[in-house]
N, C-alpha and C. Protein backbone atom coordinates (compact mmCIF):
# COMPACT_ATOMS: atom_id res chain seq x y z
N UNK A 1 18.77 -18.30 6.55
CA UNK A 1 17.29 -17.91 6.48
C UNK A 1 17.27 -17.04 5.34
N UNK A 2 15.89 -17.11 4.67
CA UNK A 2 15.60 -16.21 3.69
C UNK A 2 14.32 -15.36 4.20
N UNK A 3 14.71 -14.11 3.93
CA UNK A 3 13.94 -12.97 4.21
C UNK A 3 13.24 -12.44 3.11
N UNK A 4 11.76 -12.30 3.26
CA UNK A 4 11.10 -11.69 2.13
C UNK A 4 10.39 -10.52 2.57
N UNK A 5 10.35 -9.40 1.59
CA UNK A 5 9.62 -8.23 1.99
C UNK A 5 8.28 -8.26 1.29
N UNK A 6 7.25 -8.00 2.10
CA UNK A 6 5.88 -7.95 1.46
C UNK A 6 5.07 -6.74 2.10
N UNK A 7 4.00 -6.33 1.48
CA UNK A 7 3.27 -5.12 1.79
C UNK A 7 1.87 -5.44 1.39
N UNK A 8 1.11 -4.46 1.96
CA UNK A 8 -0.49 -4.63 1.62
C UNK A 8 -0.81 -3.15 1.14
N UNK A 9 -1.30 -2.90 0.15
CA UNK A 9 -1.58 -1.49 -0.19
C UNK A 9 -3.14 -1.23 -0.14
N UNK A 10 -3.53 -0.02 0.15
CA UNK A 10 -5.01 0.24 0.07
C UNK A 10 -5.41 1.58 -0.68
N UNK A 11 -6.58 1.57 -1.20
CA UNK A 11 -7.06 2.65 -1.77
C UNK A 11 -6.73 3.83 -1.14
N UNK A 12 -6.13 4.86 -1.85
CA UNK A 12 -5.66 6.07 -1.01
C UNK A 12 -6.59 6.76 -0.21
N UNK A 13 -7.85 7.08 -0.91
CA UNK A 13 -8.81 7.77 -0.23
C UNK A 13 -9.37 6.98 1.02
N UNK A 14 -9.51 5.80 1.01
CA UNK A 14 -10.04 5.01 2.21
C UNK A 14 -9.07 4.88 3.28
N UNK A 15 -7.89 4.81 2.75
CA UNK A 15 -6.78 4.56 3.75
C UNK A 15 -6.66 5.88 4.60
N UNK A 16 -6.63 7.09 3.80
CA UNK A 16 -6.64 8.30 4.47
C UNK A 16 -7.61 8.72 5.32
N UNK A 17 -8.93 8.20 5.02
CA UNK A 17 -10.11 8.41 5.94
C UNK A 17 -9.92 7.51 7.07
N UNK A 18 -9.36 6.37 6.99
CA UNK A 18 -9.19 5.37 7.98
C UNK A 18 -8.14 5.82 9.07
N UNK A 19 -7.07 6.60 8.54
CA UNK A 19 -6.13 7.03 9.42
C UNK A 19 -6.71 8.25 10.03
N UNK A 20 -7.50 9.11 9.57
CA UNK A 20 -8.18 10.25 10.32
C UNK A 20 -9.02 9.75 11.38
N UNK A 21 -9.76 8.69 11.01
CA UNK A 21 -10.69 8.11 12.17
C UNK A 21 -9.81 7.55 13.36
N UNK A 22 -8.74 6.98 13.10
CA UNK A 22 -7.85 6.26 13.90
C UNK A 22 -7.28 7.55 14.75
N UNK A 23 -6.87 8.45 14.33
CA UNK A 23 -6.27 9.76 15.04
C UNK A 23 -7.41 10.37 15.78
N UNK A 24 -8.69 10.39 15.37
CA UNK A 24 -9.84 10.98 16.11
C UNK A 24 -9.89 10.28 17.44
N UNK A 25 -9.46 9.07 17.38
CA UNK A 25 -9.82 8.11 18.50
C UNK A 25 -8.67 8.23 19.59
N UNK A 26 -7.66 9.06 19.14
CA UNK A 26 -6.37 9.40 19.95
C UNK A 26 -5.21 8.74 19.68
N UNK A 27 -5.11 7.96 18.63
CA UNK A 27 -3.74 7.29 18.03
C UNK A 27 -2.74 8.41 17.67
N UNK A 28 -1.60 8.24 18.21
CA UNK A 28 -0.33 9.09 17.90
C UNK A 28 0.63 8.13 17.31
N UNK A 29 1.76 8.76 16.75
CA UNK A 29 2.88 8.10 16.35
C UNK A 29 4.12 8.76 16.98
N UNK A 30 3.96 8.95 18.34
CA UNK A 30 4.91 9.60 19.11
C UNK A 30 6.28 8.61 19.04
N UNK A 31 5.88 7.37 18.92
CA UNK A 31 6.96 6.49 19.30
C UNK A 31 7.88 6.14 18.04
N UNK A 32 7.31 6.66 16.92
CA UNK A 32 7.92 6.33 15.71
C UNK A 32 9.13 7.46 15.47
N UNK A 33 10.33 6.78 15.32
CA UNK A 33 11.36 7.77 15.24
C UNK A 33 11.67 8.43 13.71
N UNK A 34 11.18 7.84 12.70
CA UNK A 34 11.30 8.29 11.37
C UNK A 34 12.73 8.51 11.06
N UNK A 35 13.58 7.55 11.47
CA UNK A 35 14.98 7.63 11.26
C UNK A 35 15.32 7.58 9.86
N UNK A 36 16.09 8.34 9.30
CA UNK A 36 16.49 8.31 7.87
C UNK A 36 18.06 8.86 7.72
N UNK A 37 18.78 8.09 7.19
CA UNK A 37 20.24 8.24 7.01
C UNK A 37 20.84 8.33 8.52
N UNK A 38 20.33 7.50 9.33
CA UNK A 38 20.91 7.26 10.65
C UNK A 38 20.48 8.54 11.79
N UNK A 39 19.53 9.18 11.37
CA UNK A 39 19.08 10.27 12.21
C UNK A 39 17.48 10.64 12.26
N UNK A 40 16.86 11.22 13.21
CA UNK A 40 15.63 11.33 13.31
C UNK A 40 15.41 12.94 12.75
N UNK A 41 14.27 13.30 12.16
CA UNK A 41 14.11 14.64 11.65
C UNK A 41 14.08 15.68 12.84
N UNK A 42 14.35 16.80 12.53
CA UNK A 42 14.32 17.88 13.63
C UNK A 42 12.77 18.42 13.51
N UNK A 43 12.49 19.03 14.59
CA UNK A 43 11.18 19.74 14.67
C UNK A 43 10.89 20.71 13.55
N UNK A 44 11.93 21.29 13.17
CA UNK A 44 12.00 22.28 11.95
C UNK A 44 11.53 21.37 10.57
N UNK A 45 12.01 20.23 10.44
CA UNK A 45 12.09 19.36 9.22
C UNK A 45 10.49 18.76 9.31
N UNK A 46 10.15 18.53 10.42
CA UNK A 46 8.84 17.72 10.74
C UNK A 46 8.02 18.31 11.80
N UNK A 47 7.41 19.51 11.50
CA UNK A 47 6.53 19.98 12.62
C UNK A 47 5.29 19.12 12.98
N UNK A 48 4.94 19.19 14.04
CA UNK A 48 3.73 18.56 14.74
C UNK A 48 2.37 19.27 14.22
N UNK A 49 1.25 18.47 13.93
CA UNK A 49 0.01 19.01 13.49
C UNK A 49 -0.97 19.43 14.73
N UNK A 50 -0.42 19.15 16.03
CA UNK A 50 -1.09 19.50 17.09
C UNK A 50 -0.23 19.82 18.26
N UNK A 51 -0.73 20.41 19.44
CA UNK A 51 0.23 20.87 20.57
C UNK A 51 -0.16 19.97 21.54
N UNK A 52 -1.07 19.43 21.87
CA UNK A 52 -1.59 18.64 22.99
C UNK A 52 -0.78 17.10 23.00
N UNK A 53 -1.54 16.30 23.86
CA UNK A 53 -0.91 14.89 23.88
C UNK A 53 -1.30 14.11 22.71
N UNK A 54 -2.42 14.53 22.26
CA UNK A 54 -2.78 13.89 20.93
C UNK A 54 -3.70 14.84 20.04
N UNK A 55 -4.16 14.21 18.99
CA UNK A 55 -4.97 15.13 18.11
C UNK A 55 -6.45 14.38 18.06
N UNK A 56 -6.89 13.94 19.35
CA UNK A 56 -8.29 13.23 19.20
C UNK A 56 -9.41 14.22 19.04
N UNK A 57 -10.38 13.85 18.27
CA UNK A 57 -11.54 14.78 18.09
C UNK A 57 -11.38 15.69 16.90
N UNK A 58 -10.25 15.74 16.27
CA UNK A 58 -9.89 16.67 15.12
C UNK A 58 -10.99 16.20 14.02
N UNK A 59 -11.40 17.37 13.34
CA UNK A 59 -12.36 17.14 12.15
C UNK A 59 -11.49 16.93 11.07
N UNK A 60 -12.28 16.35 9.92
CA UNK A 60 -11.69 16.16 8.79
C UNK A 60 -11.05 17.10 8.12
N UNK A 61 -11.64 18.35 8.29
CA UNK A 61 -11.17 19.52 7.58
C UNK A 61 -9.89 19.91 8.43
N UNK A 62 -9.78 19.77 9.80
CA UNK A 62 -8.52 20.06 10.20
C UNK A 62 -7.23 19.25 9.86
N UNK A 63 -7.75 17.87 9.68
CA UNK A 63 -6.90 16.79 9.45
C UNK A 63 -6.16 17.36 7.97
N UNK A 64 -7.12 17.70 7.09
CA UNK A 64 -6.73 17.99 5.73
C UNK A 64 -5.95 19.07 5.72
N UNK A 65 -6.25 20.08 6.61
CA UNK A 65 -5.50 21.57 6.60
C UNK A 65 -4.11 21.48 6.94
N UNK A 66 -3.61 20.56 7.89
CA UNK A 66 -2.22 20.39 8.36
C UNK A 66 -1.34 20.29 7.21
N UNK A 67 -0.28 21.17 6.98
CA UNK A 67 0.52 21.00 5.84
C UNK A 67 1.54 20.06 6.10
N UNK A 68 1.72 19.52 7.43
CA UNK A 68 2.87 18.49 7.80
C UNK A 68 2.35 17.26 8.11
N UNK A 69 0.80 17.01 7.67
CA UNK A 69 0.35 15.80 8.13
C UNK A 69 1.03 14.68 7.31
N UNK A 70 1.57 13.72 8.00
CA UNK A 70 2.23 12.55 7.48
C UNK A 70 1.18 11.66 6.89
N UNK A 71 -0.09 11.65 7.13
CA UNK A 71 -0.99 10.93 6.36
C UNK A 71 -0.98 11.19 4.86
N UNK A 72 -0.63 12.43 4.55
CA UNK A 72 -0.46 12.66 3.01
C UNK A 72 0.67 11.83 2.33
N UNK A 73 0.00 11.07 1.42
CA UNK A 73 1.09 10.26 0.52
C UNK A 73 1.92 9.43 1.30
N UNK A 74 1.32 8.77 2.43
CA UNK A 74 1.97 7.73 3.25
C UNK A 74 2.53 6.56 2.65
N UNK A 75 1.76 6.06 1.73
CA UNK A 75 2.19 4.70 1.16
C UNK A 75 3.37 5.04 0.25
N UNK A 76 3.60 6.01 -0.39
CA UNK A 76 4.74 6.41 -1.16
C UNK A 76 5.90 6.52 -0.43
N UNK A 77 5.65 7.27 0.67
CA UNK A 77 6.95 7.68 1.52
C UNK A 77 7.40 6.61 2.18
N UNK A 78 6.44 5.67 2.70
CA UNK A 78 6.96 4.52 3.48
C UNK A 78 7.56 3.29 2.45
N UNK A 79 7.15 3.43 1.14
CA UNK A 79 7.90 2.50 0.34
C UNK A 79 8.95 2.86 -0.46
N UNK A 80 9.45 4.27 -0.13
CA UNK A 80 10.48 4.88 -1.11
C UNK A 80 11.67 4.85 -0.35
N UNK A 81 12.77 5.30 -0.93
CA UNK A 81 14.10 5.57 -0.19
C UNK A 81 14.18 6.95 -0.05
N UNK A 82 13.90 7.41 1.19
CA UNK A 82 13.80 8.67 1.49
C UNK A 82 15.31 9.54 1.47
N UNK A 83 16.31 8.84 1.61
CA UNK A 83 17.68 9.27 1.52
C UNK A 83 17.81 9.83 0.23
N UNK A 84 17.24 9.40 -0.87
CA UNK A 84 17.14 9.94 -2.10
C UNK A 84 17.06 11.38 -2.41
N UNK A 85 16.19 11.75 -1.32
CA UNK A 85 15.68 13.11 -1.66
C UNK A 85 15.94 13.97 -0.36
N UNK A 86 17.07 13.59 0.51
CA UNK A 86 17.48 14.37 1.66
C UNK A 86 16.61 14.14 2.88
N UNK A 87 16.08 13.05 2.92
CA UNK A 87 15.22 12.61 3.93
C UNK A 87 13.96 13.53 4.07
N UNK A 88 13.86 14.25 5.29
CA UNK A 88 12.73 15.22 5.62
C UNK A 88 13.15 16.44 5.21
N UNK A 89 14.20 16.83 4.92
CA UNK A 89 14.70 18.13 4.55
C UNK A 89 14.17 18.57 3.14
N UNK A 90 13.19 19.46 3.04
CA UNK A 90 12.51 19.68 1.91
C UNK A 90 13.30 20.53 1.03
N UNK A 91 14.46 21.30 1.56
CA UNK A 91 15.19 22.32 0.89
C UNK A 91 16.28 21.71 -0.16
N UNK A 92 16.40 20.33 0.01
CA UNK A 92 17.54 19.62 -0.73
C UNK A 92 17.06 19.80 -2.20
N UNK A 93 15.87 19.93 -2.77
CA UNK A 93 15.71 19.64 -3.98
C UNK A 93 14.32 20.33 -4.35
N UNK A 94 13.85 20.76 -5.55
CA UNK A 94 12.48 21.34 -5.74
C UNK A 94 11.51 20.40 -5.57
N UNK A 95 10.19 20.70 -5.25
CA UNK A 95 9.31 19.68 -4.99
C UNK A 95 8.83 18.80 -5.97
N UNK A 96 8.88 19.36 -7.25
CA UNK A 96 8.43 18.51 -8.37
C UNK A 96 9.41 17.36 -8.48
N UNK A 97 10.70 17.78 -8.45
CA UNK A 97 11.75 16.87 -8.63
C UNK A 97 11.72 15.75 -7.48
N UNK A 98 11.49 16.14 -6.22
CA UNK A 98 11.47 15.38 -4.95
C UNK A 98 10.21 14.46 -5.29
N UNK A 99 9.04 14.91 -5.64
CA UNK A 99 7.80 13.94 -5.78
C UNK A 99 8.23 12.83 -6.84
N UNK A 100 8.73 13.13 -7.89
CA UNK A 100 9.17 12.30 -8.99
C UNK A 100 10.10 11.18 -8.44
N UNK A 101 11.21 11.56 -7.73
CA UNK A 101 12.21 10.56 -7.21
C UNK A 101 11.57 9.67 -6.04
N UNK A 102 10.61 10.36 -5.32
CA UNK A 102 9.93 9.34 -4.39
C UNK A 102 9.04 8.47 -4.96
N UNK A 103 8.25 8.88 -5.94
CA UNK A 103 7.27 7.94 -6.69
C UNK A 103 8.02 6.96 -7.32
N UNK A 104 9.16 7.22 -8.24
CA UNK A 104 9.80 6.13 -8.91
C UNK A 104 10.49 5.24 -7.92
N UNK A 105 10.74 5.65 -6.89
CA UNK A 105 11.60 4.73 -5.86
C UNK A 105 10.41 3.81 -5.20
N UNK A 106 9.32 4.33 -5.01
CA UNK A 106 8.25 3.50 -4.35
C UNK A 106 7.87 2.55 -5.28
N UNK A 107 7.72 2.81 -6.55
CA UNK A 107 7.39 1.90 -7.55
C UNK A 107 8.34 0.85 -7.83
N UNK A 108 9.62 0.99 -7.94
CA UNK A 108 10.79 0.21 -7.99
C UNK A 108 10.71 -0.65 -6.86
N UNK A 109 10.64 -0.19 -5.60
CA UNK A 109 10.62 -0.99 -4.31
C UNK A 109 9.49 -2.04 -4.37
N UNK A 110 8.38 -1.65 -4.75
CA UNK A 110 7.20 -2.37 -4.76
C UNK A 110 7.34 -3.63 -5.79
N UNK A 111 7.73 -3.12 -6.98
CA UNK A 111 7.99 -4.24 -8.02
C UNK A 111 9.05 -5.46 -7.54
N UNK A 112 10.09 -5.02 -6.83
CA UNK A 112 11.07 -5.98 -6.46
C UNK A 112 10.65 -6.64 -5.19
N UNK A 113 9.80 -6.38 -4.20
CA UNK A 113 9.07 -7.02 -3.29
C UNK A 113 8.59 -8.61 -3.80
N UNK A 114 8.88 -9.43 -2.79
CA UNK A 114 8.38 -10.79 -3.08
C UNK A 114 6.97 -10.84 -3.38
N UNK A 115 6.25 -9.93 -2.71
CA UNK A 115 4.90 -10.10 -2.76
C UNK A 115 4.23 -8.79 -2.15
N UNK A 116 3.10 -8.44 -2.93
CA UNK A 116 2.15 -7.24 -2.30
C UNK A 116 0.86 -7.64 -2.76
N UNK A 117 0.06 -7.17 -1.83
CA UNK A 117 -1.50 -7.54 -2.13
C UNK A 117 -2.17 -6.14 -2.12
N UNK A 118 -3.57 -6.16 -2.28
CA UNK A 118 -4.34 -4.90 -2.08
C UNK A 118 -5.63 -5.37 -1.19
N UNK A 119 -5.83 -4.59 -0.29
CA UNK A 119 -6.83 -4.82 0.53
C UNK A 119 -8.23 -4.77 -0.27
N UNK A 120 -8.43 -4.27 -1.37
CA UNK A 120 -9.66 -4.19 -2.06
C UNK A 120 -9.86 -5.48 -2.72
N UNK A 121 -8.84 -6.37 -2.95
CA UNK A 121 -9.02 -7.73 -3.53
C UNK A 121 -8.37 -8.85 -2.69
N UNK A 122 -9.18 -9.06 -1.63
CA UNK A 122 -8.74 -10.08 -0.50
C UNK A 122 -8.58 -11.40 -1.10
N UNK A 123 -9.41 -11.88 -1.87
CA UNK A 123 -9.21 -13.28 -2.33
C UNK A 123 -8.30 -13.44 -3.34
N UNK A 124 -8.13 -12.45 -4.17
CA UNK A 124 -6.87 -12.46 -5.28
C UNK A 124 -5.55 -12.30 -4.54
N UNK A 125 -5.61 -11.50 -3.44
CA UNK A 125 -4.53 -11.30 -2.55
C UNK A 125 -3.90 -12.76 -2.01
N UNK A 126 -5.12 -13.38 -1.39
CA UNK A 126 -4.72 -14.76 -0.77
C UNK A 126 -4.13 -15.84 -1.80
N UNK A 127 -4.85 -15.69 -2.94
CA UNK A 127 -4.51 -16.60 -3.97
C UNK A 127 -3.06 -16.39 -4.45
N UNK A 128 -2.66 -15.05 -4.70
CA UNK A 128 -1.19 -14.78 -4.96
C UNK A 128 -0.15 -15.00 -3.88
N UNK A 129 -0.63 -14.85 -2.68
CA UNK A 129 0.22 -15.04 -1.67
C UNK A 129 0.52 -16.60 -1.57
N UNK A 130 -0.58 -17.49 -1.72
CA UNK A 130 -0.31 -19.00 -1.65
C UNK A 130 0.37 -19.42 -2.83
N UNK A 131 0.10 -18.99 -3.82
CA UNK A 131 1.16 -19.20 -5.10
C UNK A 131 2.60 -19.01 -4.99
N UNK A 132 2.63 -17.84 -4.48
CA UNK A 132 3.95 -17.11 -4.26
C UNK A 132 4.92 -17.93 -3.47
N UNK A 133 4.29 -18.32 -2.15
CA UNK A 133 5.05 -18.95 -1.14
C UNK A 133 4.80 -20.54 -1.01
N UNK A 134 4.03 -20.97 -2.04
CA UNK A 134 3.62 -22.52 -1.92
C UNK A 134 3.12 -22.98 -0.67
N UNK A 135 2.09 -22.31 -0.03
CA UNK A 135 1.58 -22.50 1.03
C UNK A 135 -0.02 -22.14 1.08
N UNK A 136 -0.91 -22.85 1.92
CA UNK A 136 -2.29 -22.56 2.00
C UNK A 136 -2.81 -22.05 3.24
N UNK A 137 -3.51 -21.09 3.29
CA UNK A 137 -4.27 -20.59 4.66
C UNK A 137 -5.27 -21.59 4.75
N UNK A 138 -5.69 -21.71 6.32
CA UNK A 138 -6.56 -22.67 6.79
C UNK A 138 -8.02 -22.22 6.41
N UNK A 139 -8.28 -20.99 6.31
CA UNK A 139 -9.58 -20.37 5.71
C UNK A 139 -9.61 -19.23 4.77
N UNK A 140 -10.49 -18.94 4.01
CA UNK A 140 -10.45 -17.99 2.96
C UNK A 140 -10.45 -16.59 3.55
N UNK A 141 -9.58 -15.63 2.97
CA UNK A 141 -9.77 -14.28 3.42
C UNK A 141 -11.19 -13.77 3.08
N UNK A 142 -11.61 -12.79 4.18
CA UNK A 142 -12.91 -12.37 4.06
C UNK A 142 -12.89 -10.86 3.52
N UNK A 143 -13.82 -10.46 2.52
CA UNK A 143 -13.72 -9.06 1.92
C UNK A 143 -14.59 -8.30 2.78
N UNK A 144 -14.22 -7.44 3.53
CA UNK A 144 -15.19 -6.34 4.26
C UNK A 144 -15.10 -5.29 3.58
N UNK A 145 -16.46 -4.74 3.16
CA UNK A 145 -16.65 -3.62 2.33
C UNK A 145 -17.25 -2.28 3.27
N UNK A 146 -17.70 -2.97 4.43
CA UNK A 146 -18.16 -1.92 5.30
C UNK A 146 -17.01 -1.65 6.37
N UNK A 147 -16.35 -0.58 6.14
CA UNK A 147 -15.38 -0.16 7.19
C UNK A 147 -15.55 1.19 7.71
N UNK A 148 -14.67 1.61 8.63
CA UNK A 148 -14.88 3.06 9.06
C UNK A 148 -14.93 4.04 8.07
N UNK A 149 -13.91 3.78 7.16
CA UNK A 149 -13.65 4.88 6.10
C UNK A 149 -14.88 4.84 5.31
N UNK A 150 -15.57 3.72 4.81
CA UNK A 150 -16.66 3.77 4.05
C UNK A 150 -17.97 4.35 4.76
N UNK A 151 -17.93 4.39 6.10
CA UNK A 151 -19.15 5.10 6.86
C UNK A 151 -18.93 6.48 6.88
N UNK A 152 -17.77 7.15 6.39
CA UNK A 152 -17.54 8.66 6.24
C UNK A 152 -18.41 9.27 5.06
N UNK A 153 -19.19 9.98 5.38
CA UNK A 153 -20.01 10.81 4.51
C UNK A 153 -19.53 12.16 3.95
N UNK A 154 -19.04 12.34 2.78
CA UNK A 154 -18.40 13.22 2.30
C UNK A 154 -18.89 13.69 0.99
N UNK A 155 -18.77 15.15 0.51
CA UNK A 155 -19.10 15.41 -0.87
C UNK A 155 -18.15 15.22 -2.04
N UNK A 156 -18.29 15.53 -3.08
CA UNK A 156 -17.54 15.18 -4.23
C UNK A 156 -16.20 16.18 -3.97
N UNK A 157 -16.23 17.29 -3.49
CA UNK A 157 -15.34 18.28 -3.46
C UNK A 157 -14.13 17.69 -2.38
N UNK A 158 -14.73 17.27 -1.10
CA UNK A 158 -13.84 16.78 -0.28
C UNK A 158 -12.98 15.50 -0.68
N UNK A 159 -13.64 14.74 -1.50
CA UNK A 159 -13.06 13.53 -2.04
C UNK A 159 -11.90 13.93 -3.10
N UNK A 160 -12.40 14.89 -4.00
CA UNK A 160 -11.12 15.39 -4.64
C UNK A 160 -10.11 15.93 -4.02
N UNK A 161 -10.29 16.88 -2.97
CA UNK A 161 -9.47 17.45 -2.20
C UNK A 161 -8.12 16.15 -1.60
N UNK A 162 -9.04 15.25 -1.04
CA UNK A 162 -8.17 14.13 -0.41
C UNK A 162 -7.41 13.43 -1.43
N UNK A 163 -7.99 13.29 -2.71
CA UNK A 163 -7.03 12.80 -3.78
C UNK A 163 -5.90 13.60 -4.00
N UNK A 164 -6.31 14.88 -4.04
CA UNK A 164 -5.13 15.81 -4.45
C UNK A 164 -4.06 15.83 -3.29
N UNK A 165 -4.54 15.61 -2.05
CA UNK A 165 -3.43 15.57 -1.00
C UNK A 165 -2.71 14.28 -1.24
N UNK A 166 -3.26 13.34 -1.76
CA UNK A 166 -2.61 12.05 -1.88
C UNK A 166 -2.20 11.68 -3.35
N UNK A 167 -2.04 12.75 -4.20
CA UNK A 167 -1.74 12.34 -5.63
C UNK A 167 -0.72 11.60 -5.83
N UNK A 168 0.39 11.48 -5.05
CA UNK A 168 1.35 10.40 -5.33
C UNK A 168 1.04 9.04 -5.13
N UNK A 169 0.16 8.87 -3.64
CA UNK A 169 -0.30 7.65 -3.65
C UNK A 169 -1.47 6.99 -4.52
N UNK A 170 -2.04 8.01 -5.24
CA UNK A 170 -3.07 7.72 -6.19
C UNK A 170 -2.23 7.03 -7.31
N UNK A 171 -1.28 7.64 -7.87
CA UNK A 171 -0.45 7.32 -8.99
C UNK A 171 0.14 5.74 -8.69
N UNK A 172 0.65 5.69 -7.24
CA UNK A 172 1.29 4.43 -7.08
C UNK A 172 0.23 3.27 -7.04
N UNK A 173 -0.97 3.68 -6.46
CA UNK A 173 -1.84 2.52 -6.46
C UNK A 173 -2.41 2.24 -7.73
N UNK A 174 -2.54 3.16 -8.72
CA UNK A 174 -2.90 2.73 -10.18
C UNK A 174 -1.82 1.90 -10.63
N UNK A 175 -0.69 2.16 -10.32
CA UNK A 175 0.55 1.41 -10.96
C UNK A 175 0.50 -0.14 -10.37
N UNK A 176 0.08 0.07 -8.78
CA UNK A 176 0.32 -1.23 -8.21
C UNK A 176 -0.91 -2.14 -8.55
N UNK A 177 -2.23 -1.65 -8.96
CA UNK A 177 -3.28 -2.38 -9.29
C UNK A 177 -3.05 -2.87 -10.55
N UNK A 178 -2.39 -2.19 -11.45
CA UNK A 178 -2.21 -2.94 -12.95
C UNK A 178 -1.10 -3.85 -12.64
N UNK A 179 -0.23 -3.96 -11.92
CA UNK A 179 0.95 -4.82 -11.79
C UNK A 179 0.30 -6.10 -10.88
N UNK A 180 -0.45 -5.80 -9.96
CA UNK A 180 -1.05 -6.87 -9.22
C UNK A 180 -2.08 -7.75 -10.13
N UNK A 181 -2.90 -7.15 -11.03
CA UNK A 181 -3.71 -7.94 -11.78
C UNK A 181 -2.93 -8.63 -12.90
N UNK A 182 -1.86 -8.28 -13.37
CA UNK A 182 -1.17 -8.72 -14.43
C UNK A 182 -0.45 -9.98 -13.80
N UNK A 183 0.03 -9.99 -12.40
CA UNK A 183 0.53 -11.17 -11.74
C UNK A 183 -0.54 -12.10 -11.51
N UNK A 184 -1.67 -11.63 -11.13
CA UNK A 184 -2.72 -12.73 -10.77
C UNK A 184 -3.22 -13.31 -12.21
N UNK A 185 -3.25 -12.68 -13.17
CA UNK A 185 -3.57 -13.27 -14.63
C UNK A 185 -2.45 -14.31 -14.99
N UNK A 186 -1.34 -13.91 -14.79
CA UNK A 186 -0.15 -14.89 -15.13
C UNK A 186 -0.13 -16.27 -14.09
N UNK A 187 -0.45 -16.03 -12.91
CA UNK A 187 -0.58 -17.13 -11.95
C UNK A 187 -1.66 -17.95 -12.42
N UNK A 188 -2.91 -17.41 -12.76
CA UNK A 188 -3.84 -18.21 -13.12
C UNK A 188 -3.89 -18.99 -14.40
N UNK A 189 -2.97 -18.32 -15.55
CA UNK A 189 -2.86 -19.00 -16.69
C UNK A 189 -1.82 -20.12 -16.45
N UNK A 190 -0.91 -19.84 -15.49
CA UNK A 190 0.07 -20.80 -15.30
C UNK A 190 -0.48 -22.25 -14.69
N UNK A 191 -1.32 -21.90 -13.78
CA UNK A 191 -2.10 -22.90 -12.97
C UNK A 191 -2.95 -23.69 -14.18
N UNK A 192 -3.72 -23.07 -15.05
CA UNK A 192 -4.48 -23.83 -15.94
C UNK A 192 -3.73 -24.53 -17.14
N UNK A 193 -2.48 -24.00 -17.30
CA UNK A 193 -1.57 -24.66 -18.07
C UNK A 193 -1.01 -25.96 -17.56
N UNK A 194 -0.70 -25.78 -16.25
CA UNK A 194 -0.09 -27.04 -15.47
C UNK A 194 -1.27 -28.07 -15.37
N UNK A 195 -2.43 -27.67 -15.06
CA UNK A 195 -3.63 -28.60 -14.94
C UNK A 195 -3.93 -29.24 -16.26
N UNK A 196 -3.73 -28.58 -17.46
CA UNK A 196 -4.00 -29.24 -18.58
C UNK A 196 -2.76 -30.17 -19.15
N UNK A 197 -1.59 -29.85 -18.59
CA UNK A 197 -0.45 -30.78 -18.67
C UNK A 197 -0.54 -31.91 -17.97
N UNK A 198 -1.17 -31.89 -16.79
CA UNK A 198 -1.36 -32.95 -16.02
C UNK A 198 -2.48 -34.00 -16.59
N UNK A 199 -3.50 -33.41 -17.27
CA UNK A 199 -4.55 -34.14 -17.74
C UNK A 199 -4.04 -34.81 -18.99
N UNK A 200 -3.25 -34.10 -19.78
CA UNK A 200 -2.57 -34.78 -20.99
C UNK A 200 -1.60 -36.06 -20.62
N UNK A 201 -1.07 -35.96 -19.36
CA UNK A 201 -0.14 -36.94 -18.97
C UNK A 201 -0.90 -38.12 -18.44
N UNK A 202 -2.06 -37.97 -17.67
CA UNK A 202 -2.97 -38.95 -17.43
C UNK A 202 -3.54 -39.77 -18.67
N UNK A 203 -3.97 -38.99 -19.60
CA UNK A 203 -4.48 -39.56 -20.81
C UNK A 203 -3.36 -40.38 -21.40
N UNK A 204 -2.28 -39.93 -21.60
CA UNK A 204 -1.05 -40.86 -22.01
C UNK A 204 -1.02 -42.20 -21.43
N UNK A 205 -1.06 -42.00 -20.07
CA UNK A 205 -0.99 -43.08 -19.12
C UNK A 205 -2.09 -44.12 -19.40
N UNK A 206 -3.27 -43.62 -19.49
CA UNK A 206 -4.39 -44.30 -19.77
C UNK A 206 -4.26 -45.17 -21.02
N UNK A 207 -3.99 -44.52 -22.07
CA UNK A 207 -3.86 -44.88 -23.31
C UNK A 207 -2.79 -46.06 -23.31
N UNK A 208 -1.70 -45.89 -22.66
CA UNK A 208 -0.64 -46.85 -22.66
C UNK A 208 -1.03 -48.22 -22.05
N UNK A 209 -1.94 -48.10 -20.80
CA UNK A 209 -2.46 -49.20 -20.16
C UNK A 209 -3.31 -49.98 -20.92
N UNK A 210 -4.18 -49.36 -21.72
CA UNK A 210 -5.21 -49.82 -22.66
C UNK A 210 -4.43 -50.72 -23.72
N UNK A 211 -3.43 -49.99 -24.30
CA UNK A 211 -2.67 -50.60 -25.33
C UNK A 211 -2.19 -51.98 -24.95
C-alpha cells in the first residue's frame, strides 16, 4: 500500500476564532494524549486553561489570556516535529530558538507532503488534489465565506493580538500560500502544455490523412 500525508491549512485568525467558538460550545481535547517521544506531557509542562469539565462560555478575552492555550500556533505545532525542541518541556532551549526550530520543521514537513490545500481556496484545492492523485470528485467544492469565525465582530486591536498570539502560524500560512499558488500555476501550465501538444498531434494526423 502507498500512504500519503495530506493536510488543509486555514487562515490563522479565522482558525483561532473558529476554535474559540468550538470551545465556547463545550468542546474539549481531553481525549488527546499529546504523546511526544513516547510519553504524554505532565501537568506542569502543559497546564489546563480551565478547572471545570470544560471551558464552555469563555469569552474571547479569556481565551486569549490563557498562556497555555494550545490554540496558539496550533498549525505549526501539529505540523512540526516536537521532539526537536524537547516536546512540551519549554526549558530545553530558549524561546526564540524553539520557535525557529518549530517553524522550520513545520515548513519542511508541509513541503514534503504529497498534498496540502487551503480552506480559503476551495476550487484551487480541489483542482490540485485531482491533478496530484489523478482522480475527480463527483461535485465541485463549495466556497463558504460565511462561517462562525466570520460572524465574530472584533476591533483592529483584537485582531492584531490574535495575529501576535499566532505569529508562527501567520508566517507558516504566508509560506504555505505562496507554495500553494506556485504549485497551482505549475499544474495549470502543465495542463495547457499538454492540451497544446494534443492539438498539435491532432493537426499532424489530420494533415497526414489529407495528404
